[in-house]
Amino acid sequence: MFRNLAIAAIAILATASFASAQGQCNANTPCPNNLCCSKYGYCGVGTEFCGTGCQNGPCEGSQGQCSSTKACADPNHCCSQYGYCGVGAEFCGTGCQNGPCEGTGTNCSKTKACANEDHCCSQWGYCGLGSEFCGAGCQNGPCEGNTTTTTTATSTSTTASPTTTTSTTATSEPTPTNPPRDDRTCDANTACFPGDCCSKFNFCGSTAQHCGEGCQHGPCQ
């Protein structure tokens, strides 16, 4: 009887080993070679095995779990909107909860700088580079052209003669109150980026067509 039980036990172990070798696993049956057991019960590496639903092995995060208050074990990894750690757009992009999130997911503000100090926080609360982040509405970081205020001093000249006195006052250019737009359009109340003029056709630029006749504001000629 004991011999039969021993033979049965050996057969069960052999079957389990064979199943594991075939890539089958679960929460109680780990994979060989430190592989991850996916939510479908197969062994492997990468996000599809170690990410969402990972049952066993070196799952990303703590068993694949992280949150806005619980960072990933690797400080260079991001916590995705689904609570798993990794790198790339699916982790650090839209909905990123923790870690070096960028480009999407509101991860910055006027009082919260981007993780990368060279990046700007856009008016919508996203980190990145370029005019859409560092231009109009930029809240934090190396912002450029948040607001452009051009002031032209008013001068008064008086020419005296024995018989006549003439006073001439130059017209002051309007001071725009709205920040520059990324599409480089402007008007009397909307500024251009530093160094540009707002033409009579409501476009920003630095050519004679922009800064010459009809120039509304900026370094008009």
N, C-alpha and C. Protein backbone atom coordinates (compact mmCIF):
# COMPACT_ATOMS: atom_id res chain seq x y z
N MET A 1 0.82 -1.21 0.00
CA MET A 1 0.00 0.00 0.00
C MET A 1 0.86 1.27 0.00
N PHE A 2 1.89 1.29 0.89
CA PHE A 2 2.78 2.45 0.96
C PHE A 2 3.53 2.63 -0.35
N ARG A 3 3.85 1.49 -0.98
CA ARG A 3 4.56 1.57 -2.26
C ARG A 3 3.67 2.24 -3.31
N ASN A 4 2.38 1.90 -3.30
CA ASN A 4 1.45 2.49 -4.26
C ASN A 4 1.28 3.99 -4.03
N LEU A 5 1.24 4.39 -2.74
CA LEU A 5 1.13 5.81 -2.42
C LEU A 5 2.36 6.58 -2.88
N ALA A 6 3.53 5.98 -2.68
CA ALA A 6 4.78 6.62 -3.09
C ALA A 6 4.81 6.81 -4.60
N ILE A 7 4.37 5.77 -5.32
CA ILE A 7 4.35 5.85 -6.78
C ILE A 7 3.39 6.95 -7.24
N ALA A 8 2.24 7.05 -6.58
CA ALA A 8 1.25 8.08 -6.94
C ALA A 8 1.79 9.48 -6.69
N ALA A 9 2.51 9.65 -5.56
CA ALA A 9 3.08 10.96 -5.22
C ALA A 9 4.11 11.37 -6.25
N ILE A 10 4.96 10.38 -6.66
CA ILE A 10 5.99 10.68 -7.66
C ILE A 10 5.34 11.08 -8.98
N ALA A 11 4.25 10.42 -9.33
CA ALA A 11 3.55 10.73 -10.58
C ALA A 11 2.98 12.14 -10.55
N ILE A 12 2.42 12.53 -9.39
CA ILE A 12 1.85 13.88 -9.25
C ILE A 12 2.93 14.94 -9.39
N LEU A 13 4.10 14.71 -8.72
CA LEU A 13 5.21 15.65 -8.80
C LEU A 13 5.73 15.77 -10.21
N ALA A 14 5.81 14.64 -10.89
CA ALA A 14 6.30 14.65 -12.27
C ALA A 14 5.35 15.44 -13.16
N THR A 15 4.04 15.27 -12.93
CA THR A 15 3.05 15.99 -13.73
C THR A 15 3.14 17.49 -13.48
N ALA A 16 3.31 17.87 -12.20
CA ALA A 16 3.43 19.29 -11.85
C ALA A 16 4.66 19.89 -12.49
N SER A 17 5.79 19.14 -12.45
CA SER A 17 7.03 19.64 -13.04
C SER A 17 6.86 19.82 -14.54
N PHE A 18 6.18 18.85 -15.17
CA PHE A 18 5.96 18.93 -16.61
C PHE A 18 5.10 20.14 -16.96
N ALA A 19 4.04 20.40 -16.14
CA ALA A 19 3.16 21.54 -16.37
C ALA A 19 3.93 22.84 -16.24
N SER A 20 4.82 22.90 -15.22
CA SER A 20 5.61 24.10 -15.02
C SER A 20 6.54 24.32 -16.20
N ALA A 21 7.13 23.22 -16.69
CA ALA A 21 8.03 23.33 -17.83
C ALA A 21 7.29 23.80 -19.06
N GLN A 22 6.00 23.46 -19.14
CA GLN A 22 5.19 23.88 -20.27
C GLN A 22 4.70 25.33 -20.11
N GLY A 23 5.08 25.97 -19.01
CA GLY A 23 4.73 27.37 -18.80
C GLY A 23 3.46 27.59 -18.02
N GLN A 24 2.88 26.55 -17.42
CA GLN A 24 1.65 26.72 -16.65
C GLN A 24 1.98 26.99 -15.19
N CYS A 25 1.23 27.92 -14.60
CA CYS A 25 1.50 28.32 -13.22
C CYS A 25 0.24 28.94 -12.65
N ASN A 26 0.29 29.25 -11.35
CA ASN A 26 -0.79 29.97 -10.69
C ASN A 26 -0.24 30.61 -9.44
N ALA A 27 -1.12 31.16 -8.60
CA ALA A 27 -0.67 31.87 -7.40
C ALA A 27 0.10 30.96 -6.45
N ASN A 28 -0.17 29.64 -6.51
CA ASN A 28 0.49 28.70 -5.61
C ASN A 28 1.58 27.87 -6.30
N THR A 29 1.68 27.98 -7.61
CA THR A 29 2.69 27.23 -8.35
C THR A 29 3.59 28.21 -9.10
N PRO A 30 4.75 28.51 -8.54
CA PRO A 30 5.63 29.50 -9.16
C PRO A 30 6.27 28.99 -10.45
N CYS A 31 6.74 29.91 -11.24
CA CYS A 31 7.45 29.58 -12.48
C CYS A 31 8.92 29.29 -12.17
N PRO A 32 9.59 28.52 -13.02
CA PRO A 32 11.02 28.29 -12.84
C PRO A 32 11.81 29.51 -13.30
N ASN A 33 13.08 29.57 -12.93
CA ASN A 33 14.01 30.59 -13.43
C ASN A 33 13.58 32.02 -13.11
N ASN A 34 12.85 32.19 -12.00
CA ASN A 34 12.45 33.53 -11.55
C ASN A 34 11.60 34.27 -12.59
N LEU A 35 10.78 33.52 -13.32
CA LEU A 35 9.87 34.13 -14.29
C LEU A 35 8.58 34.57 -13.59
N CYS A 36 7.80 35.41 -14.27
CA CYS A 36 6.52 35.86 -13.73
C CYS A 36 5.39 34.97 -14.24
N CYS A 37 4.39 34.78 -13.40
CA CYS A 37 3.20 34.01 -13.79
C CYS A 37 2.11 35.01 -14.16
N SER A 38 1.71 35.03 -15.43
CA SER A 38 0.73 36.00 -15.90
C SER A 38 -0.67 35.70 -15.36
N LYS A 39 -1.60 36.62 -15.59
CA LYS A 39 -2.97 36.42 -15.11
C LYS A 39 -3.65 35.25 -15.81
N TYR A 40 -3.06 34.80 -16.94
CA TYR A 40 -3.62 33.66 -17.66
C TYR A 40 -2.95 32.34 -17.29
N GLY A 41 -1.96 32.41 -16.36
CA GLY A 41 -1.33 31.19 -15.90
C GLY A 41 -0.17 30.70 -16.73
N TYR A 42 0.56 31.63 -17.36
CA TYR A 42 1.73 31.26 -18.15
C TYR A 42 2.95 32.04 -17.69
N CYS A 43 4.13 31.40 -17.83
CA CYS A 43 5.39 31.98 -17.35
C CYS A 43 6.07 32.79 -18.44
N GLY A 44 6.72 33.87 -18.02
CA GLY A 44 7.46 34.69 -18.97
C GLY A 44 7.96 35.96 -18.33
N VAL A 45 8.47 36.87 -19.15
CA VAL A 45 8.96 38.16 -18.68
C VAL A 45 8.28 39.27 -19.47
N GLY A 46 8.34 40.48 -18.94
CA GLY A 46 7.72 41.61 -19.61
C GLY A 46 6.40 41.98 -18.98
N THR A 47 5.84 43.08 -19.46
CA THR A 47 4.61 43.63 -18.88
C THR A 47 3.44 42.67 -18.93
N GLU A 48 3.30 41.90 -20.03
CA GLU A 48 2.15 41.00 -20.14
C GLU A 48 2.19 39.87 -19.12
N PHE A 49 3.39 39.57 -18.59
CA PHE A 49 3.52 38.53 -17.58
C PHE A 49 3.66 39.13 -16.17
N CYS A 50 4.52 40.16 -16.05
CA CYS A 50 4.84 40.73 -14.73
C CYS A 50 3.97 41.94 -14.38
N GLY A 51 3.11 42.36 -15.30
CA GLY A 51 2.29 43.54 -15.06
C GLY A 51 0.93 43.21 -14.48
N THR A 52 -0.10 43.79 -15.06
CA THR A 52 -1.47 43.63 -14.55
C THR A 52 -1.86 42.16 -14.41
N GLY A 53 -2.30 41.77 -13.22
CA GLY A 53 -2.77 40.41 -12.97
C GLY A 53 -1.69 39.40 -12.66
N CYS A 54 -0.43 39.84 -12.61
CA CYS A 54 0.68 38.92 -12.29
C CYS A 54 0.36 38.18 -10.99
N GLN A 55 0.47 36.83 -11.02
CA GLN A 55 0.08 36.01 -9.87
C GLN A 55 1.24 35.59 -8.99
N ASN A 56 2.42 35.46 -9.60
CA ASN A 56 3.56 34.92 -8.87
C ASN A 56 4.84 35.37 -9.55
N GLY A 57 5.95 35.34 -8.80
CA GLY A 57 7.23 35.71 -9.36
C GLY A 57 7.55 37.18 -9.13
N PRO A 58 8.55 37.71 -9.84
CA PRO A 58 8.98 39.11 -9.63
C PRO A 58 8.03 40.11 -10.30
N CYS A 59 6.77 40.11 -9.84
CA CYS A 59 5.79 41.04 -10.39
C CYS A 59 6.24 42.48 -10.17
N GLU A 60 5.88 43.36 -11.08
CA GLU A 60 6.30 44.75 -10.96
C GLU A 60 5.60 45.41 -9.78
N GLY A 61 6.36 46.26 -9.06
CA GLY A 61 5.85 46.86 -7.83
C GLY A 61 5.84 45.80 -6.75
N SER A 62 5.00 45.97 -5.76
CA SER A 62 4.83 44.95 -4.73
C SER A 62 3.70 44.05 -5.19
N GLN A 63 4.07 42.90 -5.79
CA GLN A 63 3.10 42.04 -6.47
C GLN A 63 2.36 42.83 -7.54
N GLY A 64 3.09 43.77 -8.16
CA GLY A 64 2.51 44.54 -9.24
C GLY A 64 1.68 45.72 -8.78
N GLN A 65 1.62 45.99 -7.49
CA GLN A 65 0.73 47.01 -6.99
C GLN A 65 1.47 48.28 -6.58
N CYS A 66 0.90 49.43 -6.92
CA CYS A 66 1.40 50.74 -6.48
C CYS A 66 0.22 51.70 -6.55
N SER A 67 0.41 52.92 -6.06
CA SER A 67 -0.68 53.88 -6.06
C SER A 67 -0.10 55.28 -5.97
N SER A 68 -0.98 56.28 -5.86
CA SER A 68 -0.51 57.66 -5.76
C SER A 68 0.27 57.91 -4.48
N THR A 69 0.06 57.06 -3.47
CA THR A 69 0.77 57.21 -2.20
C THR A 69 1.79 56.11 -1.96
N LYS A 70 1.86 55.15 -2.87
CA LYS A 70 2.80 54.04 -2.72
C LYS A 70 3.65 53.94 -3.98
N ALA A 71 4.91 54.36 -3.89
CA ALA A 71 5.79 54.41 -5.05
C ALA A 71 6.28 53.02 -5.44
N CYS A 72 6.79 52.91 -6.66
CA CYS A 72 7.39 51.66 -7.14
C CYS A 72 8.73 51.44 -6.44
N ALA A 73 9.14 50.18 -6.36
CA ALA A 73 10.41 49.86 -5.72
C ALA A 73 11.58 50.52 -6.45
N ASP A 74 11.51 50.56 -7.77
CA ASP A 74 12.54 51.23 -8.58
C ASP A 74 12.13 52.68 -8.76
N PRO A 75 12.92 53.65 -8.27
CA PRO A 75 12.54 55.06 -8.36
C PRO A 75 12.43 55.58 -9.79
N ASN A 76 13.01 54.83 -10.75
CA ASN A 76 12.93 55.24 -12.14
C ASN A 76 11.68 54.72 -12.84
N HIS A 77 10.88 53.93 -12.12
CA HIS A 77 9.65 53.38 -12.68
C HIS A 77 8.46 54.26 -12.32
N CYS A 78 7.45 54.22 -13.18
CA CYS A 78 6.22 54.97 -12.95
C CYS A 78 5.10 54.02 -12.53
N CYS A 79 4.18 54.53 -11.76
CA CYS A 79 3.00 53.75 -11.36
C CYS A 79 1.87 54.11 -12.32
N SER A 80 1.43 53.15 -13.13
CA SER A 80 0.40 53.42 -14.14
C SER A 80 -0.96 53.68 -13.51
N GLN A 81 -1.90 54.09 -14.34
CA GLN A 81 -3.26 54.36 -13.84
C GLN A 81 -3.94 53.11 -13.30
N TYR A 82 -3.39 51.93 -13.66
CA TYR A 82 -3.97 50.67 -13.19
C TYR A 82 -3.24 50.11 -11.97
N GLY A 83 -2.20 50.86 -11.49
CA GLY A 83 -1.52 50.45 -10.28
C GLY A 83 -0.38 49.48 -10.48
N TYR A 84 0.31 49.56 -11.65
CA TYR A 84 1.45 48.69 -11.92
C TYR A 84 2.66 49.51 -12.30
N CYS A 85 3.85 48.98 -11.98
CA CYS A 85 5.10 49.70 -12.18
C CYS A 85 5.76 49.35 -13.51
N GLY A 86 6.41 50.34 -14.10
CA GLY A 86 7.15 50.11 -15.34
C GLY A 86 7.59 51.43 -15.94
N VAL A 87 8.14 51.38 -17.15
CA VAL A 87 8.57 52.57 -17.86
C VAL A 87 7.88 52.63 -19.22
N GLY A 88 7.85 53.81 -19.81
CA GLY A 88 7.20 53.98 -21.10
C GLY A 88 5.86 54.67 -20.96
N ALA A 89 5.25 54.98 -22.10
CA ALA A 89 4.02 55.77 -22.12
C ALA A 89 2.87 55.11 -21.36
N GLU A 90 2.79 53.76 -21.39
CA GLU A 90 1.66 53.12 -20.73
C GLU A 90 1.75 53.21 -19.21
N PHE A 91 2.95 53.48 -18.69
CA PHE A 91 3.13 53.63 -17.25
C PHE A 91 3.28 55.11 -16.86
N CYS A 92 4.13 55.85 -17.61
CA CYS A 92 4.45 57.24 -17.26
C CYS A 92 3.55 58.25 -17.96
N GLY A 93 2.64 57.76 -18.80
CA GLY A 93 1.78 58.66 -19.55
C GLY A 93 0.46 58.94 -18.86
N THR A 94 -0.61 58.86 -19.63
CA THR A 94 -1.94 59.21 -19.11
C THR A 94 -2.29 58.42 -17.85
N GLY A 95 -2.67 59.13 -16.81
CA GLY A 95 -3.10 58.50 -15.57
C GLY A 95 -1.99 58.09 -14.64
N CYS A 96 -0.74 58.35 -15.01
CA CYS A 96 0.39 58.00 -14.15
C CYS A 96 0.16 58.57 -12.75
N GLN A 97 0.31 57.70 -11.72
CA GLN A 97 -0.01 58.11 -10.35
C GLN A 97 1.20 58.49 -9.51
N ASN A 98 2.35 57.93 -9.85
CA ASN A 98 3.53 58.13 -9.01
C ASN A 98 4.78 57.90 -9.84
N GLY A 99 5.91 58.45 -9.39
CA GLY A 99 7.16 58.27 -10.11
C GLY A 99 7.41 59.39 -11.10
N PRO A 100 8.37 59.23 -12.01
CA PRO A 100 8.72 60.29 -12.97
C PRO A 100 7.71 60.40 -14.11
N CYS A 101 6.45 60.69 -13.76
CA CYS A 101 5.39 60.82 -14.77
C CYS A 101 5.69 62.02 -15.67
N GLU A 102 5.36 61.90 -16.95
CA GLU A 102 5.59 63.00 -17.86
C GLU A 102 4.55 63.06 -18.96
N GLY A 103 4.32 64.31 -19.43
CA GLY A 103 3.56 64.53 -20.65
C GLY A 103 2.07 64.44 -20.53
N THR A 104 1.57 63.63 -19.62
CA THR A 104 0.14 63.50 -19.44
C THR A 104 -0.12 63.40 -17.96
N GLY A 105 -1.34 63.14 -17.57
CA GLY A 105 -1.63 63.03 -16.16
C GLY A 105 -1.22 64.29 -15.44
N THR A 106 -2.11 65.02 -14.85
CA THR A 106 -1.76 66.28 -14.22
C THR A 106 -0.78 66.01 -13.09
N ASN A 107 0.51 66.28 -13.35
CA ASN A 107 1.53 65.96 -12.37
C ASN A 107 2.34 67.17 -11.94
N CYS A 108 1.85 68.38 -12.21
CA CYS A 108 2.56 69.57 -11.77
C CYS A 108 1.56 70.72 -11.64
N SER A 109 2.03 71.80 -11.02
CA SER A 109 1.17 72.97 -10.83
C SER A 109 2.07 74.16 -10.52
N LYS A 110 1.47 75.29 -10.15
CA LYS A 110 2.26 76.47 -9.80
C LYS A 110 3.15 76.21 -8.59
N THR A 111 2.70 75.32 -7.71
CA THR A 111 3.46 75.04 -6.49
C THR A 111 4.16 73.69 -6.51
N LYS A 112 3.95 72.90 -7.58
CA LYS A 112 4.58 71.58 -7.68
C LYS A 112 5.34 71.49 -9.00
N ALA A 113 6.68 71.50 -8.91
CA ALA A 113 7.52 71.48 -10.11
C ALA A 113 7.56 70.09 -10.72
N CYS A 114 8.00 70.01 -11.98
CA CYS A 114 8.17 68.73 -12.66
C CYS A 114 9.36 67.99 -12.05
N ALA A 115 9.35 66.66 -12.17
CA ALA A 115 10.44 65.85 -11.63
C ALA A 115 11.76 66.23 -12.30
N ASN A 116 11.72 66.51 -13.60
CA ASN A 116 12.90 66.97 -14.33
C ASN A 116 12.91 68.49 -14.29
N GLU A 117 13.91 69.08 -13.65
CA GLU A 117 13.92 70.53 -13.46
C GLU A 117 14.07 71.31 -14.77
N ASP A 118 14.46 70.61 -15.86
CA ASP A 118 14.57 71.27 -17.16
C ASP A 118 13.24 71.33 -17.89
N HIS A 119 12.22 70.66 -17.35
CA HIS A 119 10.91 70.63 -17.99
C HIS A 119 10.00 71.73 -17.45
N CYS A 120 9.03 72.11 -18.26
CA CYS A 120 8.07 73.13 -17.88
C CYS A 120 6.72 72.48 -17.55
N CYS A 121 5.99 73.13 -16.69
CA CYS A 121 4.63 72.68 -16.35
C CYS A 121 3.64 73.51 -17.17
N SER A 122 2.93 72.87 -18.08
CA SER A 122 2.00 73.59 -18.96
C SER A 122 0.80 74.13 -18.19
N GLN A 123 0.00 74.94 -18.89
CA GLN A 123 -1.19 75.51 -18.24
C GLN A 123 -2.20 74.45 -17.84
N TRP A 124 -2.07 73.24 -18.42
CA TRP A 124 -3.00 72.16 -18.10
C TRP A 124 -2.44 71.20 -17.05
N GLY A 125 -1.21 71.48 -16.55
CA GLY A 125 -0.66 70.66 -15.48
C GLY A 125 0.15 69.47 -15.95
N TYR A 126 0.75 69.56 -17.17
CA TYR A 126 1.57 68.47 -17.69
C TYR A 126 3.01 68.93 -17.87
N CYS A 127 3.96 68.00 -17.70
CA CYS A 127 5.38 68.31 -17.82
C CYS A 127 5.89 68.02 -19.23
N GLY A 128 6.81 68.85 -19.71
CA GLY A 128 7.40 68.60 -21.01
C GLY A 128 8.21 69.79 -21.49
N LEU A 129 8.65 69.72 -22.76
CA LEU A 129 9.45 70.77 -23.36
C LEU A 129 8.74 71.33 -24.59
N GLY A 130 9.12 72.53 -25.00
CA GLY A 130 8.53 73.14 -26.18
C GLY A 130 7.51 74.20 -25.81
N SER A 131 7.05 74.90 -26.84
CA SER A 131 6.15 76.03 -26.60
C SER A 131 4.84 75.64 -25.94
N GLU A 132 4.35 74.41 -26.19
CA GLU A 132 3.08 74.03 -25.57
C GLU A 132 3.20 73.84 -24.06
N PHE A 133 4.44 73.65 -23.58
CA PHE A 133 4.66 73.50 -22.14
C PHE A 133 5.27 74.77 -21.55
N CYS A 134 6.28 75.34 -22.24
CA CYS A 134 7.02 76.48 -21.70
C CYS A 134 6.49 77.82 -22.18
N GLY A 135 5.50 77.80 -23.07
CA GLY A 135 4.97 79.04 -23.62
C GLY A 135 3.80 79.58 -22.83
N ALA A 136 2.77 79.97 -23.55
CA ALA A 136 1.60 80.60 -22.92
C ALA A 136 1.01 79.73 -21.82
N GLY A 137 0.82 80.31 -20.66
CA GLY A 137 0.19 79.60 -19.55
C GLY A 137 1.11 78.74 -18.72
N CYS A 138 2.40 78.68 -19.09
CA CYS A 138 3.37 77.88 -18.33
C CYS A 138 3.29 78.25 -16.85
N GLN A 139 3.18 77.23 -15.98
CA GLN A 139 2.98 77.48 -14.54
C GLN A 139 4.25 77.36 -13.71
N ASN A 140 5.20 76.55 -14.19
CA ASN A 140 6.38 76.27 -13.37
C ASN A 140 7.52 75.82 -14.27
N GLY A 141 8.76 75.98 -13.80
CA GLY A 141 9.91 75.56 -14.58
C GLY A 141 10.47 76.70 -15.43
N PRO A 142 11.34 76.40 -16.41
CA PRO A 142 11.96 77.43 -17.25
C PRO A 142 10.99 77.99 -18.29
N CYS A 143 9.91 78.60 -17.82
CA CYS A 143 8.88 79.13 -18.72
C CYS A 143 9.42 80.28 -19.57
N GLU A 144 8.88 80.39 -20.77
CA GLU A 144 9.23 81.50 -21.64
C GLU A 144 7.96 82.13 -22.19
N GLY A 145 7.92 83.45 -22.15
CA GLY A 145 6.79 84.14 -22.78
C GLY A 145 5.46 83.93 -22.10
N ASN A 146 5.46 83.72 -20.79
CA ASN A 146 4.17 83.59 -20.08
C ASN A 146 3.27 84.77 -20.40
N THR A 147 3.85 85.92 -20.18
CA THR A 147 3.14 87.15 -20.51
C THR A 147 4.14 88.08 -21.15
N THR A 148 3.71 88.78 -22.12
CA THR A 148 4.58 89.74 -22.79
C THR A 148 3.95 91.11 -22.68
N THR A 149 4.66 92.01 -22.05
CA THR A 149 4.15 93.36 -21.89
C THR A 149 5.10 94.32 -22.57
N THR A 150 4.63 95.02 -23.57
CA THR A 150 5.45 95.96 -24.30
C THR A 150 4.97 97.36 -23.98
N THR A 151 5.86 98.17 -23.48
CA THR A 151 5.49 99.52 -23.10
C THR A 151 6.34 100.50 -23.88
N THR A 152 5.70 101.42 -24.56
CA THR A 152 6.42 102.46 -25.30
C THR A 152 6.23 103.77 -24.56
N ALA A 153 7.32 104.38 -24.19
CA ALA A 153 7.24 105.62 -23.42
C ALA A 153 6.62 106.72 -24.27
N THR A 154 5.85 107.57 -23.63
CA THR A 154 5.24 108.72 -24.29
C THR A 154 6.19 109.90 -24.18
N SER A 155 6.53 110.45 -25.31
CA SER A 155 7.46 111.57 -25.29
C SER A 155 6.75 112.84 -25.72
N THR A 156 7.14 113.92 -25.15
CA THR A 156 6.56 115.22 -25.48
C THR A 156 7.68 116.16 -25.88
N SER A 157 7.57 116.69 -27.08
CA SER A 157 8.60 117.62 -27.53
C SER A 157 7.96 118.98 -27.77
N THR A 158 8.65 119.99 -27.39
CA THR A 158 8.14 121.36 -27.56
C THR A 158 9.14 122.16 -28.37
N THR A 159 8.67 122.70 -29.48
CA THR A 159 9.54 123.52 -30.34
C THR A 159 9.11 124.98 -30.19
N ALA A 160 10.04 125.77 -29.73
CA ALA A 160 9.71 127.18 -29.50
C ALA A 160 10.21 128.05 -30.66
N SER A 161 9.46 129.04 -30.99
CA SER A 161 9.86 130.03 -32.00
C SER A 161 9.38 131.40 -31.52
N PRO A 162 9.87 132.42 -32.10
CA PRO A 162 9.46 133.76 -31.65
C PRO A 162 7.95 133.98 -31.72
N THR A 163 7.28 133.23 -32.65
CA THR A 163 5.86 133.53 -32.83
C THR A 163 4.94 132.35 -32.52
N THR A 164 5.46 131.07 -32.66
CA THR A 164 4.57 129.91 -32.46
C THR A 164 5.23 128.89 -31.54
N THR A 165 4.39 128.11 -30.85
CA THR A 165 4.85 127.02 -29.99
C THR A 165 4.06 125.77 -30.35
N THR A 166 4.76 124.69 -30.72
CA THR A 166 4.10 123.46 -31.14
C THR A 166 4.44 122.33 -30.19
N SER A 167 3.44 121.66 -29.67
CA SER A 167 3.65 120.50 -28.79
C SER A 167 3.17 119.26 -29.51
N THR A 168 4.03 118.24 -29.59
CA THR A 168 3.69 116.99 -30.27
C THR A 168 3.82 115.83 -29.30
N THR A 169 2.78 115.01 -29.17
CA THR A 169 2.78 113.86 -28.27
C THR A 169 2.66 112.58 -29.08
N ALA A 170 3.66 111.67 -28.97
CA ALA A 170 3.63 110.41 -29.72
C ALA A 170 2.54 109.50 -29.15
N THR A 171 1.93 108.72 -30.03
CA THR A 171 0.87 107.80 -29.60
C THR A 171 1.46 106.57 -28.95
N SER A 172 0.97 106.21 -27.79
CA SER A 172 1.47 105.03 -27.09
C SER A 172 0.83 103.77 -27.66
N GLU A 173 1.66 102.73 -27.89
CA GLU A 173 1.14 101.46 -28.37
C GLU A 173 0.30 100.80 -27.27
N PRO A 174 -0.71 100.03 -27.65
CA PRO A 174 -1.52 99.34 -26.63
C PRO A 174 -0.69 98.29 -25.89
N THR A 175 -1.02 98.06 -24.66
CA THR A 175 -0.35 97.03 -23.88
C THR A 175 -1.25 95.81 -23.79
N PRO A 176 -0.90 94.70 -24.48
CA PRO A 176 -1.76 93.51 -24.47
C PRO A 176 -1.85 92.90 -23.07
N THR A 177 -2.99 92.37 -22.76
CA THR A 177 -3.20 91.78 -21.44
C THR A 177 -3.29 90.26 -21.46
N ASN A 178 -3.41 89.67 -22.66
CA ASN A 178 -3.49 88.21 -22.78
C ASN A 178 -2.15 87.63 -23.19
N PRO A 179 -1.81 86.42 -22.72
CA PRO A 179 -0.51 85.81 -23.04
C PRO A 179 -0.43 85.38 -24.50
N PRO A 180 0.77 85.10 -25.01
CA PRO A 180 0.94 84.68 -26.41
C PRO A 180 0.24 83.36 -26.69
N ARG A 181 -0.12 83.16 -27.95
CA ARG A 181 -0.75 81.91 -28.38
C ARG A 181 0.25 81.07 -29.15
N ASP A 182 0.12 79.76 -29.07
CA ASP A 182 1.04 78.87 -29.78
C ASP A 182 0.89 78.97 -31.29
N ASP A 183 -0.28 79.38 -31.79
CA ASP A 183 -0.46 79.48 -33.24
C ASP A 183 0.05 80.81 -33.79
N ARG A 184 0.67 81.63 -32.92
CA ARG A 184 1.32 82.88 -33.30
C ARG A 184 0.34 83.91 -33.88
N THR A 185 -0.92 83.82 -33.48
CA THR A 185 -1.86 84.88 -33.83
C THR A 185 -1.93 85.87 -32.68
N CYS A 186 -2.37 87.07 -32.96
CA CYS A 186 -2.38 88.11 -31.93
C CYS A 186 -3.45 89.14 -32.28
N ASP A 187 -3.64 90.07 -31.36
CA ASP A 187 -4.50 91.22 -31.61
C ASP A 187 -4.10 92.30 -30.61
N ALA A 188 -4.87 93.34 -30.53
CA ALA A 188 -4.50 94.45 -29.65
C ALA A 188 -4.37 94.02 -28.20
N ASN A 189 -5.09 92.96 -27.80
CA ASN A 189 -5.08 92.51 -26.41
C ASN A 189 -4.31 91.22 -26.19
N THR A 190 -3.80 90.60 -27.26
CA THR A 190 -3.09 89.33 -27.14
C THR A 190 -1.64 89.51 -27.56
N ALA A 191 -0.71 89.21 -26.65
CA ALA A 191 0.71 89.45 -26.88
C ALA A 191 1.33 88.42 -27.81
N CYS A 192 2.50 88.78 -28.34
CA CYS A 192 3.36 87.85 -29.07
C CYS A 192 4.50 87.43 -28.14
N PHE A 193 5.28 86.43 -28.54
CA PHE A 193 6.44 86.04 -27.75
C PHE A 193 7.50 87.13 -27.83
N PRO A 194 8.41 87.20 -26.85
CA PRO A 194 9.41 88.27 -26.82
C PRO A 194 10.16 88.40 -28.14
N GLY A 195 10.30 89.66 -28.60
CA GLY A 195 11.05 89.92 -29.82
C GLY A 195 10.19 89.97 -31.06
N ASP A 196 8.93 89.55 -30.97
CA ASP A 196 8.03 89.55 -32.12
C ASP A 196 7.09 90.75 -32.09
N CYS A 197 6.64 91.14 -33.29
CA CYS A 197 5.66 92.21 -33.43
C CYS A 197 4.31 91.61 -33.83
N CYS A 198 3.26 92.30 -33.49
CA CYS A 198 1.92 91.90 -33.92
C CYS A 198 1.54 92.75 -35.13
N SER A 199 1.45 92.11 -36.30
CA SER A 199 1.18 92.86 -37.53
C SER A 199 -0.25 93.35 -37.59
N LYS A 200 -0.51 94.19 -38.60
CA LYS A 200 -1.87 94.70 -38.77
C LYS A 200 -2.85 93.60 -39.17
N PHE A 201 -2.27 92.44 -39.61
CA PHE A 201 -3.12 91.31 -39.98
C PHE A 201 -3.25 90.30 -38.84
N ASN A 202 -2.79 90.69 -37.63
CA ASN A 202 -2.94 89.87 -36.42
C ASN A 202 -2.10 88.59 -36.43
N PHE A 203 -0.85 88.70 -36.92
CA PHE A 203 0.09 87.59 -36.86
C PHE A 203 1.39 88.07 -36.23
N CYS A 204 2.02 87.18 -35.43
CA CYS A 204 3.28 87.52 -34.77
C CYS A 204 4.47 87.18 -35.65
N GLY A 205 5.49 88.02 -35.61
CA GLY A 205 6.71 87.76 -36.35
C GLY A 205 7.68 88.90 -36.18
N SER A 206 8.84 88.80 -36.83
CA SER A 206 9.88 89.82 -36.65
C SER A 206 10.32 90.44 -37.97
N THR A 207 9.56 90.22 -39.03
CA THR A 207 9.92 90.79 -40.33
C THR A 207 9.35 92.20 -40.46
N ALA A 208 9.72 92.85 -41.58
CA ALA A 208 9.22 94.20 -41.82
C ALA A 208 7.71 94.21 -41.98
N GLN A 209 7.16 93.09 -42.50
CA GLN A 209 5.71 93.00 -42.66
C GLN A 209 5.00 92.98 -41.31
N HIS A 210 5.70 92.47 -40.29
CA HIS A 210 5.11 92.42 -38.95
C HIS A 210 5.37 93.70 -38.16
N CYS A 211 6.61 94.20 -38.23
CA CYS A 211 7.01 95.33 -37.38
C CYS A 211 6.89 96.67 -38.09
N GLY A 212 6.50 96.66 -39.37
CA GLY A 212 6.39 97.90 -40.12
C GLY A 212 5.03 98.56 -39.98
N GLU A 213 4.55 99.09 -41.09
CA GLU A 213 3.28 99.82 -41.09
C GLU A 213 2.13 98.97 -40.54
N GLY A 214 1.39 99.53 -39.64
CA GLY A 214 0.24 98.84 -39.05
C GLY A 214 0.57 97.97 -37.85
N CYS A 215 1.85 97.91 -37.47
CA CYS A 215 2.27 97.11 -36.31
C CYS A 215 1.47 97.55 -35.08
N GLN A 216 0.91 96.57 -34.38
CA GLN A 216 0.03 96.88 -33.24
C GLN A 216 0.77 96.98 -31.91
N HIS A 217 1.75 96.11 -31.71
CA HIS A 217 2.57 96.17 -30.50
C HIS A 217 3.80 95.30 -30.68
N GLY A 218 4.75 95.45 -29.78
CA GLY A 218 6.04 94.79 -29.93
C GLY A 218 7.08 95.81 -30.38
N PRO A 219 8.26 95.36 -30.81
CA PRO A 219 9.31 96.30 -31.26
C PRO A 219 9.01 96.85 -32.66
N CYS A 220 7.88 97.56 -32.78
CA CYS A 220 7.47 98.11 -34.07
C CYS A 220 8.49 99.12 -34.59
N GLN A 221 8.64 99.16 -35.91
CA GLN A 221 9.59 100.08 -36.53
C GLN A 221 8.95 101.45 -36.77
